[in-house]
Amino acid sequence: QVQLVESGGGVVKPGGSTRLSCAASGFTFSHNCMTWYRQAPGKGRDVVASIGLSDEIDEITYSADSVKGRFTNSRDNANNTVYLRMNGLKPEDTAIYYCKTHLGGSDDWGQGTQVTVAS
């Protein structure tokens, strides 16, 4: 059974930083791309960042324009975990953050973790 469990959310001041984690189980983690999404209040769920299979430092990743230069994603295949490091947080980054993978023709989502950027 696929499980994705996000953690690391909370209240952060503007300009602050935090790191989200997504612990995966129930599938071969190193064989799957992982993607972070976020959903702000009253809005749809948008892609934030995606990372390929390798945990090498030069692994190609994708980041949305709105977070480029501020957010970085990485993965640790030995511990079945993907991370989203968020720096320079802005109030508009307030959202529920989800991790997702795609297996057997369907998407599997975590339960999400709330990040609130406020002073």
N, C-alpha and C. Protein backbone atom coordinates (compact mmCIF):
# COMPACT_ATOMS: atom_id res chain seq x y z
N GLN A 1 0.85 -1.19 0.00
CA GLN A 1 0.00 0.00 0.00
C GLN A 1 0.89 1.25 0.00
N VAL A 2 0.66 2.10 -0.98
CA VAL A 2 1.45 3.33 -1.10
C VAL A 2 1.07 4.29 0.01
N GLN A 3 2.08 4.83 0.67
CA GLN A 3 1.85 5.86 1.68
C GLN A 3 2.83 7.00 1.46
N LEU A 4 2.32 8.21 1.51
CA LEU A 4 3.14 9.41 1.45
C LEU A 4 2.74 10.27 2.63
N VAL A 5 3.71 10.62 3.46
CA VAL A 5 3.42 11.38 4.67
C VAL A 5 4.27 12.63 4.70
N GLU A 6 3.62 13.78 4.57
CA GLU A 6 4.31 15.05 4.60
C GLU A 6 4.45 15.55 6.03
N SER A 7 5.50 16.29 6.28
CA SER A 7 5.71 16.92 7.58
C SER A 7 6.56 18.17 7.40
N GLY A 8 6.62 18.98 8.42
CA GLY A 8 7.48 20.15 8.40
C GLY A 8 6.78 21.48 8.21
N GLY A 9 5.47 21.45 8.05
CA GLY A 9 4.73 22.70 7.89
C GLY A 9 4.60 23.44 9.21
N GLY A 10 4.00 24.61 9.14
CA GLY A 10 3.80 25.42 10.32
C GLY A 10 3.67 26.88 9.95
N VAL A 11 3.82 27.74 10.94
CA VAL A 11 3.75 29.19 10.72
C VAL A 11 5.17 29.73 10.62
N VAL A 12 5.43 30.47 9.56
CA VAL A 12 6.75 31.03 9.29
C VAL A 12 6.59 32.51 8.98
N LYS A 13 7.52 33.30 9.44
CA LYS A 13 7.46 34.73 9.16
C LYS A 13 7.92 35.02 7.75
N PRO A 14 7.42 36.09 7.14
CA PRO A 14 7.89 36.46 5.81
C PRO A 14 9.41 36.60 5.78
N GLY A 15 10.00 36.04 4.74
CA GLY A 15 11.45 36.02 4.63
C GLY A 15 12.09 34.83 5.30
N GLY A 16 11.33 34.07 6.03
CA GLY A 16 11.86 32.91 6.75
C GLY A 16 12.00 31.69 5.87
N SER A 17 12.42 30.61 6.50
CA SER A 17 12.69 29.36 5.79
C SER A 17 12.10 28.19 6.56
N THR A 18 11.85 27.14 5.83
CA THR A 18 11.46 25.88 6.44
C THR A 18 11.74 24.77 5.45
N ARG A 19 11.71 23.55 5.93
CA ARG A 19 11.92 22.41 5.05
C ARG A 19 10.81 21.39 5.27
N LEU A 20 10.17 21.04 4.18
CA LEU A 20 9.15 20.00 4.21
C LEU A 20 9.77 18.66 3.86
N SER A 21 9.22 17.62 4.44
CA SER A 21 9.64 16.26 4.14
C SER A 21 8.44 15.45 3.69
N CYS A 22 8.69 14.49 2.84
CA CYS A 22 7.65 13.55 2.43
C CYS A 22 8.26 12.16 2.51
N ALA A 23 7.80 11.39 3.48
CA ALA A 23 8.30 10.02 3.67
C ALA A 23 7.41 9.06 2.89
N ALA A 24 8.04 8.23 2.10
CA ALA A 24 7.30 7.33 1.21
C ALA A 24 7.48 5.88 1.63
N SER A 25 6.46 5.09 1.38
CA SER A 25 6.54 3.65 1.63
C SER A 25 5.55 2.94 0.74
N GLY A 26 5.75 1.63 0.59
CA GLY A 26 4.81 0.82 -0.17
C GLY A 26 5.11 0.70 -1.64
N PHE A 27 6.23 1.27 -2.09
CA PHE A 27 6.62 1.16 -3.49
C PHE A 27 8.13 1.38 -3.57
N THR A 28 8.69 1.10 -4.76
CA THR A 28 10.13 1.27 -4.95
C THR A 28 10.42 2.74 -5.19
N PHE A 29 10.75 3.43 -4.13
CA PHE A 29 10.88 4.89 -4.15
C PHE A 29 11.86 5.36 -5.21
N SER A 30 13.00 4.69 -5.32
CA SER A 30 14.05 5.15 -6.23
C SER A 30 13.66 5.02 -7.70
N HIS A 31 12.54 4.37 -7.98
CA HIS A 31 12.10 4.19 -9.36
C HIS A 31 11.04 5.22 -9.78
N ASN A 32 10.74 6.13 -8.89
CA ASN A 32 9.63 7.05 -9.17
C ASN A 32 10.01 8.51 -9.00
N CYS A 33 9.59 9.31 -9.96
CA CYS A 33 9.67 10.75 -9.79
C CYS A 33 8.72 11.18 -8.68
N MET A 34 9.07 12.26 -8.01
CA MET A 34 8.24 12.79 -6.93
C MET A 34 7.96 14.26 -7.21
N THR A 35 6.77 14.69 -6.92
CA THR A 35 6.35 16.06 -7.23
C THR A 35 5.69 16.69 -6.01
N TRP A 36 6.03 17.95 -5.77
CA TRP A 36 5.36 18.75 -4.75
C TRP A 36 4.32 19.63 -5.42
N TYR A 37 3.15 19.69 -4.81
CA TYR A 37 2.08 20.59 -5.21
C TYR A 37 1.71 21.45 -4.01
N ARG A 38 0.98 22.51 -4.31
CA ARG A 38 0.41 23.28 -3.22
C ARG A 38 -0.96 23.79 -3.62
N GLN A 39 -1.78 24.00 -2.60
CA GLN A 39 -3.13 24.51 -2.81
C GLN A 39 -3.39 25.63 -1.82
N ALA A 40 -3.50 26.84 -2.36
CA ALA A 40 -3.79 28.00 -1.53
C ALA A 40 -5.29 28.06 -1.28
N PRO A 41 -5.71 28.76 -0.24
CA PRO A 41 -7.15 28.85 0.05
C PRO A 41 -7.94 29.36 -1.14
N GLY A 42 -8.97 28.64 -1.51
CA GLY A 42 -9.84 29.06 -2.58
C GLY A 42 -9.28 28.88 -3.98
N LYS A 43 -8.14 28.20 -4.10
CA LYS A 43 -7.50 28.02 -5.41
C LYS A 43 -7.28 26.55 -5.70
N GLY A 44 -6.89 26.29 -6.93
CA GLY A 44 -6.61 24.92 -7.34
C GLY A 44 -5.24 24.46 -6.87
N ARG A 45 -4.95 23.19 -7.14
CA ARG A 45 -3.69 22.60 -6.73
C ARG A 45 -2.67 22.78 -7.86
N ASP A 46 -1.54 23.41 -7.56
CA ASP A 46 -0.54 23.75 -8.56
C ASP A 46 0.78 23.03 -8.30
N VAL A 47 1.48 22.71 -9.37
CA VAL A 47 2.81 22.11 -9.24
C VAL A 47 3.79 23.13 -8.68
N VAL A 48 4.58 22.69 -7.73
CA VAL A 48 5.63 23.54 -7.16
C VAL A 48 6.99 23.09 -7.67
N ALA A 49 7.28 21.81 -7.53
CA ALA A 49 8.60 21.30 -7.91
C ALA A 49 8.52 19.80 -8.11
N SER A 50 9.39 19.31 -8.98
CA SER A 50 9.41 17.89 -9.29
C SER A 50 10.85 17.43 -9.39
N ILE A 51 11.12 16.23 -8.95
CA ILE A 51 12.48 15.72 -9.00
C ILE A 51 12.49 14.32 -9.60
N GLY A 52 13.52 14.05 -10.41
CA GLY A 52 13.64 12.76 -11.07
C GLY A 52 14.11 11.67 -10.13
N LEU A 53 14.70 10.64 -10.70
CA LEU A 53 14.93 9.41 -9.97
C LEU A 53 16.16 9.42 -9.07
N SER A 54 17.16 10.19 -9.47
CA SER A 54 18.43 10.09 -8.77
C SER A 54 18.50 11.04 -7.59
N ASP A 55 19.29 10.68 -6.60
CA ASP A 55 19.53 11.61 -5.50
C ASP A 55 20.91 12.26 -5.62
N GLU A 56 21.45 12.19 -6.82
CA GLU A 56 22.72 12.89 -7.05
C GLU A 56 22.48 14.39 -7.06
N ILE A 57 23.50 15.13 -6.69
CA ILE A 57 23.35 16.56 -6.51
C ILE A 57 22.99 17.27 -7.80
N ASP A 58 23.34 16.67 -8.94
CA ASP A 58 23.05 17.32 -10.21
C ASP A 58 21.81 16.76 -10.87
N GLU A 59 20.98 16.07 -10.11
CA GLU A 59 19.73 15.57 -10.65
C GLU A 59 18.89 16.72 -11.19
N ILE A 60 18.35 16.50 -12.36
CA ILE A 60 17.52 17.54 -12.97
C ILE A 60 16.21 17.64 -12.21
N THR A 61 15.88 18.84 -11.84
CA THR A 61 14.61 19.07 -11.17
C THR A 61 13.85 20.17 -11.89
N TYR A 62 12.59 20.24 -11.61
CA TYR A 62 11.74 21.30 -12.16
C TYR A 62 11.20 22.13 -11.00
N SER A 63 11.17 23.42 -11.18
CA SER A 63 10.53 24.30 -10.21
C SER A 63 9.65 25.30 -10.94
N ALA A 64 8.51 25.58 -10.37
CA ALA A 64 7.64 26.61 -10.95
C ALA A 64 8.33 27.97 -10.89
N ASP A 65 8.01 28.83 -11.84
CA ASP A 65 8.65 30.15 -11.90
C ASP A 65 8.47 30.93 -10.60
N SER A 66 7.34 30.75 -9.97
CA SER A 66 7.05 31.52 -8.75
C SER A 66 7.96 31.16 -7.58
N VAL A 67 8.63 30.02 -7.66
CA VAL A 67 9.47 29.60 -6.54
C VAL A 67 10.93 29.45 -6.93
N LYS A 68 11.26 29.64 -8.17
CA LYS A 68 12.65 29.49 -8.61
C LYS A 68 13.55 30.44 -7.86
N GLY A 69 14.70 29.92 -7.46
CA GLY A 69 15.64 30.73 -6.71
C GLY A 69 15.34 30.78 -5.22
N ARG A 70 14.17 30.30 -4.83
CA ARG A 70 13.80 30.30 -3.40
C ARG A 70 13.61 28.89 -2.85
N PHE A 71 13.03 28.02 -3.66
CA PHE A 71 12.73 26.65 -3.21
C PHE A 71 13.68 25.69 -3.91
N THR A 72 14.12 24.68 -3.21
CA THR A 72 14.89 23.60 -3.82
C THR A 72 14.34 22.27 -3.34
N ASN A 73 14.28 21.31 -4.25
CA ASN A 73 13.83 19.99 -3.85
C ASN A 73 14.96 18.99 -4.00
N SER A 74 14.93 18.01 -3.16
CA SER A 74 15.97 16.99 -3.16
C SER A 74 15.36 15.69 -2.67
N ARG A 75 16.09 14.63 -2.82
CA ARG A 75 15.58 13.33 -2.37
C ARG A 75 16.71 12.51 -1.77
N ASP A 76 16.33 11.62 -0.88
CA ASP A 76 17.25 10.69 -0.25
C ASP A 76 16.69 9.30 -0.50
N ASN A 77 17.23 8.63 -1.50
CA ASN A 77 16.69 7.32 -1.87
C ASN A 77 16.95 6.26 -0.80
N ALA A 78 17.99 6.45 0.00
CA ALA A 78 18.28 5.48 1.05
C ALA A 78 17.21 5.51 2.15
N ASN A 79 16.59 6.68 2.32
CA ASN A 79 15.59 6.84 3.37
C ASN A 79 14.19 7.09 2.83
N ASN A 80 14.02 6.89 1.53
CA ASN A 80 12.69 7.00 0.90
C ASN A 80 12.00 8.32 1.24
N THR A 81 12.75 9.40 1.13
CA THR A 81 12.22 10.71 1.51
C THR A 81 12.57 11.75 0.46
N VAL A 82 11.63 12.62 0.20
CA VAL A 82 11.86 13.77 -0.66
C VAL A 82 11.65 15.03 0.18
N TYR A 83 12.43 16.05 -0.13
CA TYR A 83 12.42 17.27 0.67
C TYR A 83 12.11 18.47 -0.22
N LEU A 84 11.52 19.48 0.40
CA LEU A 84 11.33 20.77 -0.26
C LEU A 84 11.85 21.83 0.70
N ARG A 85 12.98 22.39 0.35
CA ARG A 85 13.56 23.47 1.15
C ARG A 85 13.01 24.78 0.63
N MET A 86 12.42 25.57 1.51
CA MET A 86 11.77 26.80 1.11
C MET A 86 12.43 27.97 1.84
N ASN A 87 13.04 28.86 1.07
CA ASN A 87 13.67 30.06 1.61
C ASN A 87 12.94 31.29 1.12
N GLY A 88 13.17 32.41 1.78
CA GLY A 88 12.56 33.66 1.33
C GLY A 88 11.05 33.58 1.22
N LEU A 89 10.42 32.97 2.20
CA LEU A 89 8.98 32.74 2.11
C LEU A 89 8.19 34.04 2.08
N LYS A 90 7.12 34.02 1.30
CA LYS A 90 6.24 35.16 1.13
C LYS A 90 4.84 34.78 1.57
N PRO A 91 4.01 35.77 1.92
CA PRO A 91 2.63 35.43 2.30
C PRO A 91 1.89 34.64 1.23
N GLU A 92 2.21 34.88 -0.02
CA GLU A 92 1.54 34.15 -1.10
C GLU A 92 1.98 32.70 -1.22
N ASP A 93 2.97 32.30 -0.44
CA ASP A 93 3.36 30.89 -0.38
C ASP A 93 2.48 30.11 0.60
N THR A 94 1.60 30.80 1.30
CA THR A 94 0.70 30.13 2.23
C THR A 94 -0.19 29.16 1.47
N ALA A 95 -0.16 27.91 1.89
CA ALA A 95 -0.91 26.86 1.19
C ALA A 95 -0.76 25.55 1.95
N ILE A 96 -1.54 24.58 1.53
CA ILE A 96 -1.30 23.20 1.93
C ILE A 96 -0.36 22.60 0.88
N TYR A 97 0.70 21.99 1.32
CA TYR A 97 1.69 21.40 0.42
C TYR A 97 1.54 19.88 0.43
N TYR A 98 1.49 19.32 -0.77
CA TYR A 98 1.30 17.89 -0.94
C TYR A 98 2.46 17.30 -1.75
N CYS A 99 2.80 16.06 -1.46
CA CYS A 99 3.68 15.35 -2.37
C CYS A 99 2.88 14.28 -3.10
N LYS A 100 3.35 13.97 -4.27
CA LYS A 100 2.63 13.04 -5.13
C LYS A 100 3.59 12.18 -5.92
N THR A 101 3.18 10.94 -6.16
CA THR A 101 3.88 10.10 -7.11
C THR A 101 2.85 9.47 -8.03
N HIS A 102 3.33 8.82 -9.06
CA HIS A 102 2.44 8.24 -10.06
C HIS A 102 2.81 6.79 -10.25
N LEU A 103 1.84 5.92 -9.96
CA LEU A 103 2.11 4.49 -10.01
C LEU A 103 0.96 3.77 -10.68
N GLY A 104 1.29 2.86 -11.58
CA GLY A 104 0.26 2.01 -12.16
C GLY A 104 -0.88 2.77 -12.81
N GLY A 105 -0.56 3.92 -13.40
CA GLY A 105 -1.59 4.68 -14.09
C GLY A 105 -2.41 5.59 -13.21
N SER A 106 -2.08 5.67 -11.94
CA SER A 106 -2.85 6.57 -11.07
C SER A 106 -1.91 7.37 -10.18
N ASP A 107 -2.42 8.48 -9.67
CA ASP A 107 -1.66 9.34 -8.79
C ASP A 107 -1.90 8.95 -7.34
N ASP A 108 -0.84 9.02 -6.56
CA ASP A 108 -0.94 8.79 -5.12
C ASP A 108 -0.48 10.04 -4.39
N TRP A 109 -1.28 10.50 -3.46
CA TRP A 109 -1.05 11.77 -2.78
C TRP A 109 -0.86 11.54 -1.28
N GLY A 110 -0.08 12.43 -0.67
CA GLY A 110 -0.05 12.49 0.77
C GLY A 110 -1.24 13.30 1.28
N GLN A 111 -1.31 13.43 2.62
CA GLN A 111 -2.44 14.14 3.22
C GLN A 111 -2.22 15.64 3.24
N GLY A 112 -0.99 16.07 2.98
CA GLY A 112 -0.68 17.49 2.94
C GLY A 112 -0.19 18.03 4.28
N THR A 113 0.56 19.12 4.20
CA THR A 113 1.01 19.83 5.40
C THR A 113 0.83 21.32 5.17
N GLN A 114 0.27 22.00 6.16
CA GLN A 114 -0.06 23.42 6.03
C GLN A 114 1.18 24.28 6.28
N VAL A 115 1.42 25.21 5.39
CA VAL A 115 2.45 26.22 5.58
C VAL A 115 1.75 27.57 5.57
N THR A 116 1.92 28.32 6.62
CA THR A 116 1.33 29.66 6.72
C THR A 116 2.45 30.66 6.91
N VAL A 117 2.50 31.63 6.01
CA VAL A 117 3.53 32.67 6.07
C VAL A 117 2.85 33.94 6.54
N ALA A 118 3.16 34.34 7.75
CA ALA A 118 2.51 35.50 8.34
C ALA A 118 3.38 36.06 9.45
N SER A 119 3.25 37.37 9.64
CA SER A 119 4.02 38.00 10.71
C SER A 119 3.21 38.03 12.00
